Amino acid sequence: MASGLFAAVNNFINHPAGPKTIFFWAPTMKWGITAANVKDFSRPPELLSYGQQSAVAVTGIIWCKYALDITPKNYNLMSVNVVMASTGLYQLYRKFEHERRTSAEAGANKSA
């Protein structure tokens, strides 16, 4: 059992995208950007930026594809970018829905 665990840890450490390489640390640090975007879920939608959230979403989509095209395949990079694209798209949805509701309420108040 211990030798199997040791072998697994050794394989992880010496993997071409393991912690001895930039291929591990760059996407690991990118989780910080994703965490900040998740924290912004509690922000009022009127404070969100279409440009910033579009950049987060598009960057996530592009790099997700790239992570699977490079050798070695980098699943850490892919996973952070899937989450990054998802959070960016969710924030864009929140901003769009807020503006849609606000304009509908303004139109209803104008009619009344």
PDB file of N, CA and C in Angstrom:
ATOM      1  N   MET A   1       0.825  -1.200   0.000  1.00  0.00           N
ATOM      2  CA  MET A   1       0.000   0.000   0.000  1.00  0.00           C
ATOM      3  C   MET A   1       0.866   1.259   0.000  1.00  0.00           C
ATOM      4  N   ALA A   2       1.838   1.320   0.906  1.00  0.00           N
ATOM      5  CA  ALA A   2       2.709   2.491   1.004  1.00  0.00           C
ATOM      6  C   ALA A   2       3.563   2.650  -0.244  1.00  0.00           C
ATOM      7  N   SER A   3       4.014   1.531  -0.806  1.00  0.00           N
ATOM      8  CA  SER A   3       4.837   1.631  -2.013  1.00  0.00           C
ATOM      9  C   SER A   3       4.005   2.132  -3.194  1.00  0.00           C
ATOM     10  N   GLY A   4       2.715   1.770  -3.240  1.00  0.00           N
ATOM     11  CA  GLY A   4       1.831   2.264  -4.298  1.00  0.00           C
ATOM     12  C   GLY A   4       1.598   3.754  -4.168  1.00  0.00           C
ATOM     13  N   LEU A   5       1.421   4.226  -2.936  1.00  0.00           N
ATOM     14  CA  LEU A   5       1.239   5.649  -2.689  1.00  0.00           C
ATOM     15  C   LEU A   5       2.519   6.412  -3.023  1.00  0.00           C
ATOM     16  N   PHE A   6       3.657   5.848  -2.616  1.00  0.00           N
ATOM     17  CA  PHE A   6       4.952   6.470  -2.926  1.00  0.00           C
ATOM     18  C   PHE A   6       5.148   6.578  -4.430  1.00  0.00           C
ATOM     19  N   ALA A   7       4.797   5.530  -5.149  1.00  0.00           N
ATOM     20  CA  ALA A   7       4.938   5.534  -6.606  1.00  0.00           C
ATOM     21  C   ALA A   7       4.034   6.588  -7.238  1.00  0.00           C
ATOM     22  N   ALA A   8       2.815   6.708  -6.732  1.00  0.00           N
ATOM     23  CA  ALA A   8       1.874   7.692  -7.271  1.00  0.00           C
ATOM     24  C   ALA A   8       2.379   9.115  -7.026  1.00  0.00           C
ATOM     25  N   VAL A   9       2.864   9.384  -5.821  1.00  0.00           N
ATOM     26  CA  VAL A   9       3.404  10.706  -5.505  1.00  0.00           C
ATOM     27  C   VAL A   9       4.641  10.986  -6.362  1.00  0.00           C
ATOM     28  N   ASN A  10       5.503  10.006  -6.500  1.00  0.00           N
ATOM     29  CA  ASN A  10       6.702  10.157  -7.313  1.00  0.00           C
ATOM     30  C   ASN A  10       6.341  10.434  -8.779  1.00  0.00           C
ATOM     31  N   ASN A  11       5.342   9.715  -9.299  1.00  0.00           N
ATOM     32  CA  ASN A  11       4.892   9.947 -10.679  1.00  0.00           C
ATOM     33  C   ASN A  11       4.349  11.357 -10.850  1.00  0.00           C
ATOM     34  N   PHE A  12       3.587  11.825  -9.851  1.00  0.00           N
ATOM     35  CA  PHE A  12       3.024  13.184  -9.902  1.00  0.00           C
ATOM     36  C   PHE A  12       4.146  14.224  -9.893  1.00  0.00           C
ATOM     37  N   ILE A  13       5.096  14.065  -8.994  1.00  0.00           N
ATOM     38  CA  ILE A  13       6.183  15.042  -8.869  1.00  0.00           C
ATOM     39  C   ILE A  13       7.036  15.086 -10.134  1.00  0.00           C
ATOM     40  N   ASN A  14       7.263  13.952 -10.743  1.00  0.00           N
ATOM     41  CA  ASN A  14       8.134  13.890 -11.925  1.00  0.00           C
ATOM     42  C   ASN A  14       7.386  13.934 -13.254  1.00  0.00           C
ATOM     43  N   HIS A  15       6.088  14.159 -13.219  1.00  0.00           N
ATOM     44  CA  HIS A  15       5.288  14.254 -14.446  1.00  0.00           C
ATOM     45  C   HIS A  15       5.748  15.466 -15.259  1.00  0.00           C
ATOM     46  N   PRO A  16       5.679  15.401 -16.594  1.00  0.00           N
ATOM     47  CA  PRO A  16       6.086  16.543 -17.429  1.00  0.00           C
ATOM     48  C   PRO A  16       5.296  17.822 -17.156  1.00  0.00           C
ATOM     49  N   ALA A  17       4.117  17.700 -16.539  1.00  0.00           N
ATOM     50  CA  ALA A  17       3.347  18.888 -16.145  1.00  0.00           C
ATOM     51  C   ALA A  17       3.206  18.932 -14.627  1.00  0.00           C
ATOM     52  N   GLY A  18       4.165  18.357 -13.939  1.00  0.00           N
ATOM     53  CA  GLY A  18       4.132  18.288 -12.479  1.00  0.00           C
ATOM     54  C   GLY A  18       4.717  19.518 -11.815  1.00  0.00           C
ATOM     55  N   PRO A  19       4.807  19.489 -10.489  1.00  0.00           N
ATOM     56  CA  PRO A  19       5.214  20.669  -9.724  1.00  0.00           C
ATOM     57  C   PRO A  19       6.670  21.111  -9.918  1.00  0.00           C
ATOM     58  N   LYS A  20       7.448  20.374 -10.652  1.00  0.00           N
ATOM     59  CA  LYS A  20       8.805  20.818 -10.968  1.00  0.00           C
ATOM     60  C   LYS A  20       8.838  21.702 -12.211  1.00  0.00           C
ATOM     61  N   THR A  21       7.670  21.965 -12.803  1.00  0.00           N
ATOM     62  CA  THR A  21       7.619  22.704 -14.064  1.00  0.00           C
ATOM     63  C   THR A  21       6.672  23.892 -13.980  1.00  0.00           C
ATOM     64  N   ILE A  22       6.831  24.809 -14.896  1.00  0.00           N
ATOM     65  CA  ILE A  22       5.925  25.959 -15.017  1.00  0.00           C
ATOM     66  C   ILE A  22       4.537  25.506 -15.446  1.00  0.00           C
ATOM     67  N   PHE A  23       4.462  24.352 -16.098  1.00  0.00           N
ATOM     68  CA  PHE A  23       3.168  23.838 -16.564  1.00  0.00           C
ATOM     69  C   PHE A  23       2.240  23.502 -15.402  1.00  0.00           C
ATOM     70  N   PHE A  24       2.788  23.349 -14.230  1.00  0.00           N
ATOM     71  CA  PHE A  24       1.988  23.127 -13.029  1.00  0.00           C
ATOM     72  C   PHE A  24       1.693  24.449 -12.329  1.00  0.00           C
ATOM     73  N   TRP A  25       2.717  25.278 -12.136  1.00  0.00           N
ATOM     74  CA  TRP A  25       2.562  26.476 -11.314  1.00  0.00           C
ATOM     75  C   TRP A  25       1.767  27.586 -11.982  1.00  0.00           C
ATOM     76  N   ALA A  26       1.862  27.754 -13.283  1.00  0.00           N
ATOM     77  CA  ALA A  26       1.095  28.815 -13.953  1.00  0.00           C
ATOM     78  C   ALA A  26      -0.414  28.604 -13.790  1.00  0.00           C
ATOM     79  N   PRO A  27      -0.950  27.415 -14.107  1.00  0.00           N
ATOM     80  CA  PRO A  27      -2.390  27.248 -13.902  1.00  0.00           C
ATOM     81  C   PRO A  27      -2.784  27.235 -12.422  1.00  0.00           C
ATOM     82  N   THR A  28      -1.891  26.774 -11.566  1.00  0.00           N
ATOM     83  CA  THR A  28      -2.201  26.783 -10.138  1.00  0.00           C
ATOM     84  C   THR A  28      -2.379  28.214  -9.648  1.00  0.00           C
ATOM     85  N   MET A  29      -1.537  29.123 -10.085  1.00  0.00           N
ATOM     86  CA  MET A  29      -1.673  30.538  -9.702  1.00  0.00           C
ATOM     87  C   MET A  29      -2.911  31.167 -10.354  1.00  0.00           C
ATOM     88  N   LYS A  30      -3.293  30.667 -11.522  1.00  0.00           N
ATOM     89  CA  LYS A  30      -4.474  31.196 -12.219  1.00  0.00           C
ATOM     90  C   LYS A  30      -5.753  30.910 -11.435  1.00  0.00           C
ATOM     91  N   TRP A  31      -5.712  29.905 -10.558  1.00  0.00           N
ATOM     92  CA  TRP A  31      -6.878  29.643  -9.708  1.00  0.00           C
ATOM     93  C   TRP A  31      -7.205  30.858  -8.851  1.00  0.00           C
ATOM     94  N   GLY A  32      -6.211  31.692  -8.560  1.00  0.00           N
ATOM     95  CA  GLY A  32      -6.458  32.914  -7.785  1.00  0.00           C
ATOM     96  C   GLY A  32      -7.378  33.876  -8.515  1.00  0.00           C
ATOM     97  N   ILE A  33      -7.195  34.025  -9.822  1.00  0.00           N
ATOM     98  CA  ILE A  33      -8.079  34.879 -10.624  1.00  0.00           C
ATOM     99  C   ILE A  33      -9.496  34.314 -10.605  1.00  0.00           C
ATOM    100  N   THR A  34      -9.588  33.008 -10.748  1.00  0.00           N
ATOM    101  CA  THR A  34     -10.897  32.360 -10.743  1.00  0.00           C
ATOM    102  C   THR A  34     -11.571  32.516  -9.387  1.00  0.00           C
ATOM    103  N   ALA A  35     -10.808  32.370  -8.322  1.00  0.00           N
ATOM    104  CA  ALA A  35     -11.376  32.544  -6.973  1.00  0.00           C
ATOM    105  C   ALA A  35     -11.874  33.973  -6.771  1.00  0.00           C
ATOM    106  N   ALA A  36     -11.134  34.954  -7.286  1.00  0.00           N
ATOM    107  CA  ALA A  36     -11.574  36.347  -7.181  1.00  0.00           C
ATOM    108  C   ALA A  36     -12.884  36.560  -7.935  1.00  0.00           C
ATOM    109  N   ASN A  37     -13.037  35.900  -9.080  1.00  0.00           N
ATOM    110  CA  ASN A  37     -14.279  36.031  -9.843  1.00  0.00           C
ATOM    111  C   ASN A  37     -15.444  35.370  -9.099  1.00  0.00           C
ATOM    112  N   VAL A  38     -15.176  34.253  -8.434  1.00  0.00           N
ATOM    113  CA  VAL A  38     -16.220  33.607  -7.626  1.00  0.00           C
ATOM    114  C   VAL A  38     -16.605  34.520  -6.466  1.00  0.00           C
ATOM    115  N   LYS A  39     -15.626  35.160  -5.843  1.00  0.00           N
ATOM    116  CA  LYS A  39     -15.919  36.090  -4.753  1.00  0.00           C
ATOM    117  C   LYS A  39     -16.810  37.232  -5.249  1.00  0.00           C
ATOM    118  N   ASP A  40     -16.632  37.633  -6.495  1.00  0.00           N
ATOM    119  CA  ASP A  40     -17.444  38.713  -7.062  1.00  0.00           C
ATOM    120  C   ASP A  40     -18.898  38.315  -7.299  1.00  0.00           C
ATOM    121  N   PHE A  41     -19.259  37.059  -7.069  1.00  0.00           N
ATOM    122  CA  PHE A  41     -20.664  36.667  -7.187  1.00  0.00           C
ATOM    123  C   PHE A  41     -21.522  37.470  -6.212  1.00  0.00           C
ATOM    124  N   SER A  42     -20.936  37.905  -5.110  1.00  0.00           N
ATOM    125  CA  SER A  42     -21.688  38.673  -4.115  1.00  0.00           C
ATOM    126  C   SER A  42     -21.722  40.165  -4.446  1.00  0.00           C
ATOM    127  N   ARG A  43     -20.990  40.575  -5.465  1.00  0.00           N
ATOM    128  CA  ARG A  43     -20.988  41.980  -5.891  1.00  0.00           C
ATOM    129  C   ARG A  43     -22.288  42.342  -6.578  1.00  0.00           C
ATOM    130  N   PRO A  44     -22.763  43.558  -6.397  1.00  0.00           N
ATOM    131  CA  PRO A  44     -23.959  43.977  -7.143  1.00  0.00           C
ATOM    132  C   PRO A  44     -23.691  43.923  -8.643  1.00  0.00           C
ATOM    133  N   PRO A  45     -24.631  43.404  -9.424  1.00  0.00           N
ATOM    134  CA  PRO A  45     -24.394  43.248 -10.862  1.00  0.00           C
ATOM    135  C   PRO A  45     -24.130  44.556 -11.606  1.00  0.00           C
ATOM    136  N   GLU A  46     -24.630  45.674 -11.091  1.00  0.00           N
ATOM    137  CA  GLU A  46     -24.389  46.942 -11.781  1.00  0.00           C
ATOM    138  C   GLU A  46     -22.917  47.353 -11.726  1.00  0.00           C
ATOM    139  N   LEU A  47     -22.140  46.748 -10.826  1.00  0.00           N
ATOM    140  CA  LEU A  47     -20.719  47.059 -10.726  1.00  0.00           C
ATOM    141  C   LEU A  47     -19.848  46.165 -11.605  1.00  0.00           C
ATOM    142  N   LEU A  48     -20.452  45.164 -12.234  1.00  0.00           N
ATOM    143  CA  LEU A  48     -19.693  44.263 -13.102  1.00  0.00           C
ATOM    144  C   LEU A  48     -19.405  44.935 -14.437  1.00  0.00           C
ATOM    145  N   SER A  49     -18.344  44.504 -15.073  1.00  0.00           N
ATOM    146  CA  SER A  49     -17.927  45.078 -16.349  1.00  0.00           C
ATOM    147  C   SER A  49     -18.101  44.049 -17.471  1.00  0.00           C
ATOM    148  N   TYR A  50     -18.790  44.453 -18.533  1.00  0.00           N
ATOM    149  CA  TYR A  50     -18.919  43.563 -19.690  1.00  0.00           C
ATOM    150  C   TYR A  50     -17.551  43.219 -20.269  1.00  0.00           C
ATOM    151  N   GLY A  51     -16.693  44.220 -20.379  1.00  0.00           N
ATOM    152  CA  GLY A  51     -15.369  43.992 -20.962  1.00  0.00           C
ATOM    153  C   GLY A  51     -14.529  43.021 -20.147  1.00  0.00           C
ATOM    154  N   GLN A  52     -14.490  43.233 -18.847  1.00  0.00           N
ATOM    155  CA  GLN A  52     -13.681  42.372 -17.990  1.00  0.00           C
ATOM    156  C   GLN A  52     -14.210  40.942 -17.991  1.00  0.00           C
ATOM    157  N   GLN A  53     -15.509  40.784 -17.837  1.00  0.00           N
ATOM    158  CA  GLN A  53     -16.077  39.439 -17.773  1.00  0.00           C
ATOM    159  C   GLN A  53     -16.032  38.742 -19.128  1.00  0.00           C
ATOM    160  N   SER A  54     -16.131  39.506 -20.211  1.00  0.00           N
ATOM    161  CA  SER A  54     -15.971  38.905 -21.541  1.00  0.00           C
ATOM    162  C   SER A  54     -14.543  38.395 -21.713  1.00  0.00           C
ATOM    163  N   ALA A  55     -13.572  39.170 -21.245  1.00  0.00           N
ATOM    164  CA  ALA A  55     -12.172  38.745 -21.327  1.00  0.00           C
ATOM    165  C   ALA A  55     -11.936  37.487 -20.504  1.00  0.00           C
ATOM    166  N   VAL A  56     -12.513  37.422 -19.304  1.00  0.00           N
ATOM    167  CA  VAL A  56     -12.365  36.237 -18.452  1.00  0.00           C
ATOM    168  C   VAL A  56     -12.966  35.017 -19.149  1.00  0.00           C
ATOM    169  N   ALA A  57     -14.165  35.165 -19.703  1.00  0.00           N
ATOM    170  CA  ALA A  57     -14.847  34.036 -20.348  1.00  0.00           C
ATOM    171  C   ALA A  57     -14.107  33.579 -21.612  1.00  0.00           C
ATOM    172  N   VAL A  58     -13.740  34.509 -22.469  1.00  0.00           N
ATOM    173  CA  VAL A  58     -13.083  34.151 -23.732  1.00  0.00           C
ATOM    174  C   VAL A  58     -11.694  33.563 -23.465  1.00  0.00           C
ATOM    175  N   THR A  59     -10.976  34.143 -22.524  1.00  0.00           N
ATOM    176  CA  THR A  59      -9.665  33.604 -22.158  1.00  0.00           C
ATOM    177  C   THR A  59      -9.804  32.167 -21.675  1.00  0.00           C
ATOM    178  N   GLY A  60     -10.798  31.924 -20.834  1.00  0.00           N
ATOM    179  CA  GLY A  60     -11.028  30.567 -20.343  1.00  0.00           C
ATOM    180  C   GLY A  60     -11.316  29.592 -21.464  1.00  0.00           C
ATOM    181  N   ILE A  61     -12.134  29.988 -22.412  1.00  0.00           N
ATOM    182  CA  ILE A  61     -12.496  29.105 -23.527  1.00  0.00           C
ATOM    183  C   ILE A  61     -11.271  28.813 -24.403  1.00  0.00           C
ATOM    184  N   ILE A  62     -10.529  29.847 -24.749  1.00  0.00           N
ATOM    185  CA  ILE A  62      -9.359  29.667 -25.621  1.00  0.00           C
ATOM    186  C   ILE A  62      -8.317  28.773 -24.956  1.00  0.00           C
ATOM    187  N   TRP A  63      -7.965  29.053 -23.716  1.00  0.00           N
ATOM    188  CA  TRP A  63      -6.920  28.299 -23.035  1.00  0.00           C
ATOM    189  C   TRP A  63      -7.365  26.888 -22.680  1.00  0.00           C
ATOM    190  N   CYS A  64      -8.652  26.668 -22.534  1.00  0.00           N
ATOM    191  CA  CYS A  64      -9.148  25.305 -22.293  1.00  0.00           C
ATOM    192  C   CYS A  64      -8.816  24.430 -23.498  1.00  0.00           C
ATOM    193  N   LYS A  65      -9.058  24.945 -24.680  1.00  0.00           N
ATOM    194  CA  LYS A  65      -8.728  24.224 -25.910  1.00  0.00           C
ATOM    195  C   LYS A  65      -7.218  23.996 -26.021  1.00  0.00           C
ATOM    196  N   TYR A  66      -6.451  25.039 -25.749  1.00  0.00           N
ATOM    197  CA  TYR A  66      -4.998  24.947 -25.841  1.00  0.00           C
ATOM    198  C   TYR A  66      -4.438  23.890 -24.885  1.00  0.00           C
ATOM    199  N   ALA A  67      -5.000  23.798 -23.681  1.00  0.00           N
ATOM    200  CA  ALA A  67      -4.497  22.852 -22.671  1.00  0.00           C
ATOM    201  C   ALA A  67      -4.580  21.413 -23.152  1.00  0.00           C
ATOM    202  N   LEU A  68      -5.519  21.137 -24.048  1.00  0.00           N
ATOM    203  CA  LEU A  68      -5.662  19.782 -24.571  1.00  0.00           C
ATOM    204  C   LEU A  68      -4.874  19.559 -25.859  1.00  0.00           C
ATOM    205  N   ASP A  69      -4.406  20.645 -26.475  1.00  0.00           N
ATOM    206  CA  ASP A  69      -3.646  20.525 -27.720  1.00  0.00           C
ATOM    207  C   ASP A  69      -2.143  20.402 -27.480  1.00  0.00           C
ATOM    208  N   ILE A  70      -1.660  20.853 -26.340  1.00  0.00           N
ATOM    209  CA  ILE A  70      -0.222  20.835 -26.077  1.00  0.00           C
ATOM    210  C   ILE A  70       0.227  19.464 -25.573  1.00  0.00           C
ATOM    211  N   THR A  71       1.529  19.255 -25.628  1.00  0.00           N
ATOM    212  CA  THR A  71       2.109  18.035 -25.081  1.00  0.00           C
ATOM    213  C   THR A  71       3.061  18.446 -23.969  1.00  0.00           C
ATOM    214  N   PRO A  72       2.908  17.943 -22.788  1.00  0.00           N
ATOM    215  CA  PRO A  72       1.889  16.999 -22.324  1.00  0.00           C
ATOM    216  C   PRO A  72       0.554  17.711 -22.098  1.00  0.00           C
ATOM    217  N   LYS A  73      -0.530  16.965 -22.232  1.00  0.00           N
ATOM    218  CA  LYS A  73      -1.847  17.534 -21.951  1.00  0.00           C
ATOM    219  C   LYS A  73      -1.834  18.043 -20.515  1.00  0.00           C
ATOM    220  N   ASN A  74      -2.390  19.226 -20.322  1.00  0.00           N
ATOM    221  CA  ASN A  74      -2.324  19.845 -19.011  1.00  0.00           C
ATOM    222  C   ASN A  74      -3.738  19.968 -18.449  1.00  0.00           C
ATOM    223  N   TYR A  75      -4.142  18.989 -17.663  1.00  0.00           N
ATOM    224  CA  TYR A  75      -5.502  18.957 -17.128  1.00  0.00           C
ATOM    225  C   TYR A  75      -5.715  19.990 -16.038  1.00  0.00           C
ATOM    226  N   ASN A  76      -4.660  20.399 -15.349  1.00  0.00           N
ATOM    227  CA  ASN A  76      -4.761  21.484 -14.381  1.00  0.00           C
ATOM    228  C   ASN A  76      -5.114  22.780 -15.107  1.00  0.00           C
ATOM    229  N   LEU A  77      -4.437  23.050 -16.215  1.00  0.00           N
ATOM    230  CA  LEU A  77      -4.722  24.235 -17.024  1.00  0.00           C
ATOM    231  C   LEU A  77      -6.125  24.160 -17.607  1.00  0.00           C
ATOM    232  N   MET A  78      -6.517  22.987 -18.071  1.00  0.00           N
ATOM    233  CA  MET A  78      -7.856  22.836 -18.638  1.00  0.00           C
ATOM    234  C   MET A  78      -8.922  23.097 -17.570  1.00  0.00           C
ATOM    235  N   SER A  79      -8.757  22.509 -16.392  1.00  0.00           N
ATOM    236  CA  SER A  79      -9.791  22.639 -15.365  1.00  0.00           C
ATOM    237  C   SER A  79      -9.931  24.075 -14.873  1.00  0.00           C
ATOM    238  N   VAL A  80      -8.815  24.784 -14.673  1.00  0.00           N
ATOM    239  CA  VAL A  80      -8.928  26.166 -14.213  1.00  0.00           C
ATOM    240  C   VAL A  80      -9.614  27.019 -15.272  1.00  0.00           C
ATOM    241  N   ASN A  81      -9.374  26.724 -16.542  1.00  0.00           N
ATOM    242  CA  ASN A  81      -9.991  27.526 -17.591  1.00  0.00           C
ATOM    243  C   ASN A  81     -11.456  27.179 -17.831  1.00  0.00           C
ATOM    244  N   VAL A  82     -11.846  25.948 -17.577  1.00  0.00           N
ATOM    245  CA  VAL A  82     -13.278  25.606 -17.630  1.00  0.00           C
ATOM    246  C   VAL A  82     -14.026  26.400 -16.557  1.00  0.00           C
ATOM    247  N   VAL A  83     -13.462  26.420 -15.360  1.00  0.00           N
ATOM    248  CA  VAL A  83     -14.101  27.166 -14.264  1.00  0.00           C
ATOM    249  C   VAL A  83     -14.045  28.661 -14.546  1.00  0.00           C
ATOM    250  N   MET A  84     -12.931  29.143 -15.084  1.00  0.00           N
ATOM    251  CA  MET A  84     -12.804  30.563 -15.401  1.00  0.00           C
ATOM    252  C   MET A  84     -13.850  30.986 -16.445  1.00  0.00           C
ATOM    253  N   ALA A  85     -13.993  30.210 -17.506  1.00  0.00           N
ATOM    254  CA  ALA A  85     -14.993  30.523 -18.537  1.00  0.00           C
ATOM    255  C   ALA A  85     -16.402  30.483 -17.939  1.00  0.00           C
ATOM    256  N   SER A  86     -16.666  29.505 -17.104  1.00  0.00           N
ATOM    257  CA  SER A  86     -17.989  29.373 -16.485  1.00  0.00           C
ATOM    258  C   SER A  86     -18.315  30.569 -15.593  1.00  0.00           C
ATOM    259  N   THR A  87     -17.343  30.991 -14.772  1.00  0.00           N
ATOM    260  CA  THR A  87     -17.609  32.130 -13.892  1.00  0.00           C
ATOM    261  C   THR A  87     -17.785  33.417 -14.692  1.00  0.00           C
ATOM    262  N   GLY A  88     -16.985  33.583 -15.752  1.00  0.00           N
ATOM    263  CA  GLY A  88     -17.140  34.769 -16.596  1.00  0.00           C
ATOM    264  C   GLY A  88     -18.490  34.808 -17.283  1.00  0.00           C
ATOM    265  N   LEU A  89     -18.922  33.663 -17.804  1.00  0.00           N
ATOM    266  CA  LEU A  89     -20.238  33.610 -18.462  1.00  0.00           C
ATOM    267  C   LEU A  89     -21.372  33.843 -17.463  1.00  0.00           C
ATOM    268  N   TYR A  90     -21.230  33.312 -16.259  1.00  0.00           N
ATOM    269  CA  TYR A  90     -22.248  33.535 -15.228  1.00  0.00           C
ATOM    270  C   TYR A  90     -22.320  35.018 -14.851  1.00  0.00           C
ATOM    271  N   GLN A  91     -21.171  35.665 -14.724  1.00  0.00           N
ATOM    272  CA  GLN A  91     -21.167  37.090 -14.389  1.00  0.00           C
ATOM    273  C   GLN A  91     -21.788  37.915 -15.518  1.00  0.00           C
ATOM    274  N   LEU A  92     -21.503  37.538 -16.767  1.00  0.00           N
ATOM    275  CA  LEU A  92     -22.139  38.231 -17.899  1.00  0.00           C
ATOM    276  C   LEU A  92     -23.647  38.054 -17.864  1.00  0.00           C
ATOM    277  N   TYR A  93     -24.109  36.858 -17.531  1.00  0.00           N
ATOM    278  CA  TYR A  93     -25.544  36.593 -17.402  1.00  0.00           C
ATOM    279  C   TYR A  93     -26.150  37.471 -16.313  1.00  0.00           C
ATOM    280  N   ARG A  94     -25.484  37.549 -15.164  1.00  0.00           N
ATOM    281  CA  ARG A  94     -25.986  38.382 -14.063  1.00  0.00           C
ATOM    282  C   ARG A  94     -26.115  39.840 -14.496  1.00  0.00           C
ATOM    283  N   LYS A  95     -25.088  40.364 -15.170  1.00  0.00           N
ATOM    284  CA  LYS A  95     -25.093  41.759 -15.621  1.00  0.00           C
ATOM    285  C   LYS A  95     -26.208  41.993 -16.643  1.00  0.00           C
ATOM    286  N   PHE A  96     -26.324  41.081 -17.610  1.00  0.00           N
ATOM    287  CA  PHE A  96     -27.361  41.200 -18.634  1.00  0.00           C
ATOM    288  C   PHE A  96     -28.762  41.160 -18.006  1.00  0.00           C
ATOM    289  N   GLU A  97     -28.997  40.209 -17.118  1.00  0.00           N
ATOM    290  CA  GLU A  97     -30.315  40.094 -16.474  1.00  0.00           C
ATOM    291  C   GLU A  97     -30.631  41.326 -15.639  1.00  0.00           C
ATOM    292  N   HIS A  98     -29.649  41.855 -14.943  1.00  0.00           N
ATOM    293  CA  HIS A  98     -29.871  43.062 -14.141  1.00  0.00           C
ATOM    294  C   HIS A  98     -30.273  44.230 -15.038  1.00  0.00           C
ATOM    295  N   GLU A  99     -29.570  44.412 -16.136  1.00  0.00           N
ATOM    296  CA  GLU A  99     -29.909  45.508 -17.046  1.00  0.00           C
ATOM    297  C   GLU A  99     -31.253  45.298 -17.716  1.00  0.00           C
ATOM    298  N   ARG A 100     -31.586  44.038 -18.045  1.00  0.00           N
ATOM    299  CA  ARG A 100     -32.891  43.742 -18.638  1.00  0.00           C
ATOM    300  C   ARG A 100     -34.009  44.068 -17.651  1.00  0.00           C
ATOM    301  N   ARG A 101     -33.853  43.645 -16.389  1.00  0.00           N
ATOM    302  CA  ARG A 101     -34.870  43.922 -15.365  1.00  0.00           C
ATOM    303  C   ARG A 101     -34.993  45.419 -15.100  1.00  0.00           C
ATOM    304  N   THR A 102     -33.867  46.088 -15.049  1.00  0.00           N
ATOM    305  CA  THR A 102     -33.874  47.537 -14.774  1.00  0.00           C
ATOM    306  C   THR A 102     -34.588  48.293 -15.893  1.00  0.00           C
ATOM    307  N   SER A 103     -34.311  47.928 -17.144  1.00  0.00           N
ATOM    308  CA  SER A 103     -34.975  48.618 -18.254  1.00  0.00           C
ATOM    309  C   SER A 103     -36.457  48.267 -18.327  1.00  0.00           C
ATOM    310  N   ALA A 104     -36.822  47.040 -17.966  1.00  0.00           N
ATOM    311  CA  ALA A 104     -38.246  46.654 -17.945  1.00  0.00           C
ATOM    312  C   ALA A 104     -38.979  47.429 -16.859  1.00  0.00           C
ATOM    313  N   GLU A 105     -38.359  47.576 -15.688  1.00  0.00           N
ATOM    314  CA  GLU A 105     -38.983  48.340 -14.603  1.00  0.00           C
ATOM    315  C   GLU A 105     -39.101  49.804 -14.975  1.00  0.00           C
ATOM    316  N   ALA A 106     -38.091  50.362 -15.635  1.00  0.00           N
ATOM    317  CA  ALA A 106     -38.128  51.751 -16.065  1.00  0.00           C
ATOM    318  C   ALA A 106     -39.237  51.956 -17.096  1.00  0.00           C
ATOM    319  N   GLY A 107     -39.416  50.980 -17.995  1.00  0.00           N
ATOM    320  CA  GLY A 107     -40.477  51.075 -18.987  1.00  0.00           C
ATOM    321  C   GLY A 107     -41.859  50.972 -18.340  1.00  0.00           C
ATOM    322  N   ALA A 108     -41.989  50.129 -17.321  1.00  0.00           N
ATOM    323  CA  ALA A 108     -43.264  49.996 -16.618  1.00  0.00           C
ATOM    324  C   ALA A 108     -43.574  51.249 -15.839  1.00  0.00           C
ATOM    325  N   ASN A 109     -42.588  51.861 -15.241  1.00  0.00           N
ATOM    326  CA  ASN A 109     -42.797  53.091 -14.471  1.00  0.00           C
ATOM    327  C   ASN A 109     -43.115  54.260 -15.408  1.00  0.00           C
ATOM    328  N   LYS A 110     -42.548  54.250 -16.599  1.00  0.00           N
ATOM    329  CA  LYS A 110     -42.801  55.325 -17.560  1.00  0.00           C
ATOM    330  C   LYS A 110     -44.229  55.247 -18.086  1.00  0.00           C
ATOM    331  N   SER A 111     -44.750  54.013 -18.237  1.00  0.00           N
ATOM    332  CA  SER A 111     -46.098  53.816 -18.750  1.00  0.00           C
ATOM    333  C   SER A 111     -47.147  54.199 -17.706  1.00  0.00           C
ATOM    334  N   ALA A 112     -46.786  54.059 -16.450  1.00  0.00           N
ATOM    335  CA  ALA A 112     -47.767  54.268 -15.372  1.00  0.00           C
ATOM    336  C   ALA A 112     -48.013  55.690 -15.079  1.00  0.00           C
TER     337      ALA A 112
END
